[in-house]
Amino acid sequence: MTESSPASRPAHFDPRGWPFFWMTQAVGRYLRKLEQHLKREGLDVARWRVLMSVGNRQLGVSEIADLAIVKLPTMLKLIQRMEADGLVQCAPRASDARYTDVSLTPAGQEACDRAWTVANAIYQTVFHDIPAEDEAHLNDVLKRVFERLG
């Protein structure tokens, strides 16, 4: 702990000195911006998460739910809608038919490419002048925070 993160909340607590404040603010702003841009492509953040998680591989529904930080029943419904929309195809896993594997259809791959273009444009806008070592350090710190929350 640093001196800016005491064990008990001080009388003059400023949330802007709390790392979780900035993490949630940054993610919230990013997701709002992403949602605005994806909407122009006929997509939303939930579908973007599935498209980016699956990419060029097959993943199980529970694996996608974990990567997308979505509860399994919610993910199942989303994947069913995406299958009906022709973006993904589902098949029983060859090694264990109790599991369903998901892969992108050609239309899903095209949507994934459009979604990547949108997300990458936001990334470039935000990180274009941030040195690579700062970005790597940010990733390292966030990974450690994530692991400690586990």
C-alpha atoms as a PDB file:
ATOM      1  CA  MET A   1       0.000   0.000   0.000  1.00  0.00           C
ATOM      2  CA  THR A   2       1.102   3.513  -0.640  1.00  0.00           C
ATOM      3  CA  GLU A   3       0.511   6.447   1.642  1.00  0.00           C
ATOM      4  CA  SER A   4      -2.293   7.517  -0.713  1.00  0.00           C
ATOM      5  CA  SER A   5      -4.184   4.294  -0.003  1.00  0.00           C
ATOM      6  CA  PRO A   6      -4.733   4.067   3.763  1.00  0.00           C
ATOM      7  CA  ALA A   7      -6.507   1.165   5.450  1.00  0.00           C
ATOM      8  CA  SER A   8      -9.453   3.340   6.493  1.00  0.00           C
ATOM      9  CA  ARG A   9     -11.137   6.096   4.547  1.00  0.00           C
ATOM     10  CA  PRO A  10      -9.927   9.518   5.645  1.00  0.00           C
ATOM     11  CA  ALA A  11     -12.348  12.365   6.266  1.00  0.00           C
ATOM     12  CA  HIS A  12     -11.099  14.163   3.145  1.00  0.00           C
ATOM     13  CA  PHE A  13     -11.126  11.200   0.768  1.00  0.00           C
ATOM     14  CA  ASP A  14     -10.735  12.188  -2.887  1.00  0.00           C
ATOM     15  CA  PRO A  15     -11.645   9.342  -5.240  1.00  0.00           C
ATOM     16  CA  ARG A  16      -9.282  10.797  -7.860  1.00  0.00           C
ATOM     17  CA  GLY A  17      -6.403   9.557  -5.706  1.00  0.00           C
ATOM     18  CA  TRP A  18      -7.758   5.996  -5.815  1.00  0.00           C
ATOM     19  CA  PRO A  19      -6.462   3.810  -8.697  1.00  0.00           C
ATOM     20  CA  PHE A  20      -9.764   1.963  -9.073  1.00  0.00           C
ATOM     21  CA  PHE A  21     -11.459   5.306  -9.736  1.00  0.00           C
ATOM     22  CA  TRP A  22      -9.246   5.917 -12.762  1.00  0.00           C
ATOM     23  CA  MET A  23      -9.486   2.325 -13.953  1.00  0.00           C
ATOM     24  CA  THR A  24     -13.292   2.437 -13.955  1.00  0.00           C
ATOM     25  CA  GLN A  25     -13.370   5.949 -15.437  1.00  0.00           C
ATOM     26  CA  ALA A  26     -11.021   4.937 -18.269  1.00  0.00           C
ATOM     27  CA  VAL A  27     -12.878   1.714 -19.029  1.00  0.00           C
ATOM     28  CA  GLY A  28     -16.249   3.458 -18.854  1.00  0.00           C
ATOM     29  CA  ARG A  29     -15.177   6.201 -21.247  1.00  0.00           C
ATOM     30  CA  TYR A  30     -13.545   3.675 -23.588  1.00  0.00           C
ATOM     31  CA  LEU A  31     -16.683   1.514 -23.697  1.00  0.00           C
ATOM     32  CA  ARG A  32     -18.928   4.533 -24.364  1.00  0.00           C
ATOM     33  CA  LYS A  33     -16.699   5.642 -27.225  1.00  0.00           C
ATOM     34  CA  LEU A  34     -16.451   2.083 -28.553  1.00  0.00           C
ATOM     35  CA  GLU A  35     -20.236   1.664 -28.372  1.00  0.00           C
ATOM     36  CA  GLN A  36     -20.769   4.896 -30.355  1.00  0.00           C
ATOM     37  CA  HIS A  37     -18.409   3.801 -33.117  1.00  0.00           C
ATOM     38  CA  LEU A  38     -19.557   0.166 -33.218  1.00  0.00           C
ATOM     39  CA  LYS A  39     -23.174   1.281 -33.569  1.00  0.00           C
ATOM     40  CA  ARG A  40     -22.268   2.788 -36.956  1.00  0.00           C
ATOM     41  CA  GLU A  41     -21.121  -0.707 -37.969  1.00  0.00           C
ATOM     42  CA  GLY A  42     -24.325  -2.363 -36.761  1.00  0.00           C
ATOM     43  CA  LEU A  43     -22.545  -3.873 -33.747  1.00  0.00           C
ATOM     44  CA  ASP A  44     -22.462  -3.382 -30.008  1.00  0.00           C
ATOM     45  CA  VAL A  45     -19.907  -3.972 -27.254  1.00  0.00           C
ATOM     46  CA  ALA A  46     -21.341  -7.374 -26.313  1.00  0.00           C
ATOM     47  CA  ARG A  47     -20.974  -8.670 -29.881  1.00  0.00           C
ATOM     48  CA  TRP A  48     -17.551  -7.012 -30.144  1.00  0.00           C
ATOM     49  CA  ARG A  49     -16.403  -8.970 -27.083  1.00  0.00           C
ATOM     50  CA  VAL A  50     -17.493 -12.249 -28.655  1.00  0.00           C
ATOM     51  CA  LEU A  51     -15.967 -11.411 -32.037  1.00  0.00           C
ATOM     52  CA  MET A  52     -12.638 -10.375 -30.501  1.00  0.00           C
ATOM     53  CA  SER A  53     -12.557 -13.372 -28.143  1.00  0.00           C
ATOM     54  CA  VAL A  54     -13.215 -15.937 -30.867  1.00  0.00           C
ATOM     55  CA  GLY A  55     -11.268 -14.369 -33.742  1.00  0.00           C
ATOM     56  CA  ASN A  56      -9.795 -17.067 -35.997  1.00  0.00           C
ATOM     57  CA  ARG A  57     -10.219 -19.958 -33.567  1.00  0.00           C
ATOM     58  CA  GLN A  58     -12.871 -22.082 -31.933  1.00  0.00           C
ATOM     59  CA  LEU A  59     -13.717 -21.418 -28.309  1.00  0.00           C
ATOM     60  CA  GLY A  60     -16.169 -22.911 -25.891  1.00  0.00           C
ATOM     61  CA  VAL A  61     -19.062 -20.791 -24.698  1.00  0.00           C
ATOM     62  CA  SER A  62     -17.729 -20.737 -21.123  1.00  0.00           C
ATOM     63  CA  GLU A  63     -14.283 -19.666 -22.356  1.00  0.00           C
ATOM     64  CA  ILE A  64     -15.852 -16.780 -24.259  1.00  0.00           C
ATOM     65  CA  ALA A  65     -17.908 -15.815 -21.207  1.00  0.00           C
ATOM     66  CA  ASP A  66     -14.736 -15.732 -19.087  1.00  0.00           C
ATOM     67  CA  LEU A  67     -12.827 -13.609 -21.615  1.00  0.00           C
ATOM     68  CA  ALA A  68     -15.777 -11.258 -22.129  1.00  0.00           C
ATOM     69  CA  ILE A  69     -16.512 -10.980 -18.388  1.00  0.00           C
ATOM     70  CA  VAL A  70     -20.121 -12.040 -18.911  1.00  0.00           C
ATOM     71  CA  LYS A  71     -22.182 -14.571 -16.972  1.00  0.00           C
ATOM     72  CA  LEU A  72     -22.617 -17.877 -18.784  1.00  0.00           C
ATOM     73  CA  PRO A  73     -26.440 -17.701 -19.212  1.00  0.00           C
ATOM     74  CA  THR A  74     -26.126 -14.199 -20.670  1.00  0.00           C
ATOM     75  CA  MET A  75     -23.361 -15.364 -23.015  1.00  0.00           C
ATOM     76  CA  LEU A  76     -25.437 -18.344 -24.155  1.00  0.00           C
ATOM     77  CA  LYS A  77     -28.303 -16.022 -25.123  1.00  0.00           C
ATOM     78  CA  LEU A  78     -25.946 -13.635 -26.918  1.00  0.00           C
ATOM     79  CA  ILE A  79     -24.304 -16.447 -28.884  1.00  0.00           C
ATOM     80  CA  GLN A  80     -27.727 -17.809 -29.847  1.00  0.00           C
ATOM     81  CA  ARG A  81     -28.670 -14.347 -31.177  1.00  0.00           C
ATOM     82  CA  MET A  82     -25.361 -14.058 -33.018  1.00  0.00           C
ATOM     83  CA  GLU A  83     -25.888 -17.516 -34.518  1.00  0.00           C
ATOM     84  CA  ALA A  84     -29.373 -16.464 -35.692  1.00  0.00           C
ATOM     85  CA  ASP A  85     -27.764 -13.336 -37.206  1.00  0.00           C
ATOM     86  CA  GLY A  86     -25.254 -15.504 -39.083  1.00  0.00           C
ATOM     87  CA  LEU A  87     -22.175 -14.184 -37.252  1.00  0.00           C
ATOM     88  CA  VAL A  88     -21.162 -17.387 -35.449  1.00  0.00           C
ATOM     89  CA  GLN A  89     -21.666 -21.092 -35.836  1.00  0.00           C
ATOM     90  CA  CYS A  90     -21.936 -23.511 -32.952  1.00  0.00           C
ATOM     91  CA  ALA A  91     -21.022 -27.173 -32.917  1.00  0.00           C
ATOM     92  CA  PRO A  92     -20.535 -29.848 -30.282  1.00  0.00           C
ATOM     93  CA  ARG A  93     -16.889 -30.156 -29.266  1.00  0.00           C
ATOM     94  CA  ALA A  94     -15.324 -33.158 -31.013  1.00  0.00           C
ATOM     95  CA  SER A  95     -13.596 -34.380 -27.848  1.00  0.00           C
ATOM     96  CA  ASP A  96     -16.612 -33.889 -25.560  1.00  0.00           C
ATOM     97  CA  ALA A  97     -20.078 -33.257 -26.979  1.00  0.00           C
ATOM     98  CA  ARG A  98     -21.240 -31.760 -23.663  1.00  0.00           C
ATOM     99  CA  TYR A  99     -19.386 -28.584 -24.672  1.00  0.00           C
ATOM    100  CA  THR A 100     -20.318 -26.250 -27.497  1.00  0.00           C
ATOM    101  CA  ASP A 101     -17.586 -24.680 -29.575  1.00  0.00           C
ATOM    102  CA  VAL A 102     -18.166 -21.368 -31.304  1.00  0.00           C
ATOM    103  CA  SER A 103     -16.434 -20.090 -34.429  1.00  0.00           C
ATOM    104  CA  LEU A 104     -17.009 -17.119 -36.697  1.00  0.00           C
ATOM    105  CA  THR A 105     -18.816 -17.475 -39.990  1.00  0.00           C
ATOM    106  CA  PRO A 106     -17.533 -15.517 -42.998  1.00  0.00           C
ATOM    107  CA  ALA A 107     -20.016 -12.762 -42.053  1.00  0.00           C
ATOM    108  CA  GLY A 108     -18.736 -12.929 -38.478  1.00  0.00           C
ATOM    109  CA  GLN A 109     -15.146 -12.642 -39.666  1.00  0.00           C
ATOM    110  CA  GLU A 110     -16.078  -9.589 -41.726  1.00  0.00           C
ATOM    111  CA  ALA A 111     -17.837  -8.070 -38.698  1.00  0.00           C
ATOM    112  CA  CYS A 112     -14.761  -8.890 -36.602  1.00  0.00           C
ATOM    113  CA  ASP A 113     -12.548  -7.056 -39.088  1.00  0.00           C
ATOM    114  CA  ARG A 114     -14.832  -3.997 -38.978  1.00  0.00           C
ATOM    115  CA  ALA A 115     -14.927  -4.111 -35.182  1.00  0.00           C
ATOM    116  CA  TRP A 116     -11.138  -4.384 -35.017  1.00  0.00           C
ATOM    117  CA  THR A 117     -10.781  -1.331 -37.246  1.00  0.00           C
ATOM    118  CA  VAL A 118     -13.029   0.642 -34.873  1.00  0.00           C
ATOM    119  CA  ALA A 119     -11.257  -0.544 -31.707  1.00  0.00           C
ATOM    120  CA  ASN A 120      -7.800  -0.039 -33.187  1.00  0.00           C
ATOM    121  CA  ALA A 121      -8.632   3.527 -34.252  1.00  0.00           C
ATOM    122  CA  ILE A 122      -9.568   4.338 -30.645  1.00  0.00           C
ATOM    123  CA  TYR A 123      -6.412   2.618 -29.419  1.00  0.00           C
ATOM    124  CA  GLN A 124      -4.253   4.621 -31.843  1.00  0.00           C
ATOM    125  CA  THR A 125      -5.903   7.892 -30.787  1.00  0.00           C
ATOM    126  CA  VAL A 126      -5.250   7.184 -27.114  1.00  0.00           C
ATOM    127  CA  PHE A 127      -1.810   5.567 -27.248  1.00  0.00           C
ATOM    128  CA  HIS A 128      -0.150   7.148 -30.307  1.00  0.00           C
ATOM    129  CA  ASP A 129       2.137   9.390 -28.237  1.00  0.00           C
ATOM    130  CA  ILE A 130       2.532   7.191 -25.164  1.00  0.00           C
ATOM    131  CA  PRO A 131       5.934   5.486 -25.218  1.00  0.00           C
ATOM    132  CA  ALA A 132       5.877   1.717 -25.718  1.00  0.00           C
ATOM    133  CA  GLU A 133       7.638   1.191 -22.390  1.00  0.00           C
ATOM    134  CA  ASP A 134       4.889   3.155 -20.588  1.00  0.00           C
ATOM    135  CA  GLU A 135       2.233   1.055 -22.285  1.00  0.00           C
ATOM    136  CA  ALA A 136       4.099  -2.140 -21.348  1.00  0.00           C
ATOM    137  CA  HIS A 137       4.400  -0.919 -17.750  1.00  0.00           C
ATOM    138  CA  LEU A 138       0.684  -0.088 -17.640  1.00  0.00           C
ATOM    139  CA  ASN A 139      -0.142  -3.580 -18.916  1.00  0.00           C
ATOM    140  CA  ASP A 140       2.171  -5.136 -16.333  1.00  0.00           C
ATOM    141  CA  VAL A 141       0.667  -3.178 -13.429  1.00  0.00           C
ATOM    142  CA  LEU A 142      -2.899  -3.902 -14.540  1.00  0.00           C
ATOM    143  CA  LYS A 143      -2.083  -7.598 -14.929  1.00  0.00           C
ATOM    144  CA  ARG A 144      -0.704  -7.690 -11.372  1.00  0.00           C
ATOM    145  CA  VAL A 145      -3.792  -5.897 -10.037  1.00  0.00           C
ATOM    146  CA  PHE A 146      -5.996  -8.385 -11.891  1.00  0.00           C
ATOM    147  CA  GLU A 147      -4.086 -11.360 -10.497  1.00  0.00           C
ATOM    148  CA  ARG A 148      -4.227 -10.008  -6.937  1.00  0.00           C
ATOM    149  CA  LEU A 149      -7.982  -9.603  -7.216  1.00  0.00           C
ATOM    150  CA  GLY A 150      -8.281 -13.273  -8.227  1.00  0.00           C
END
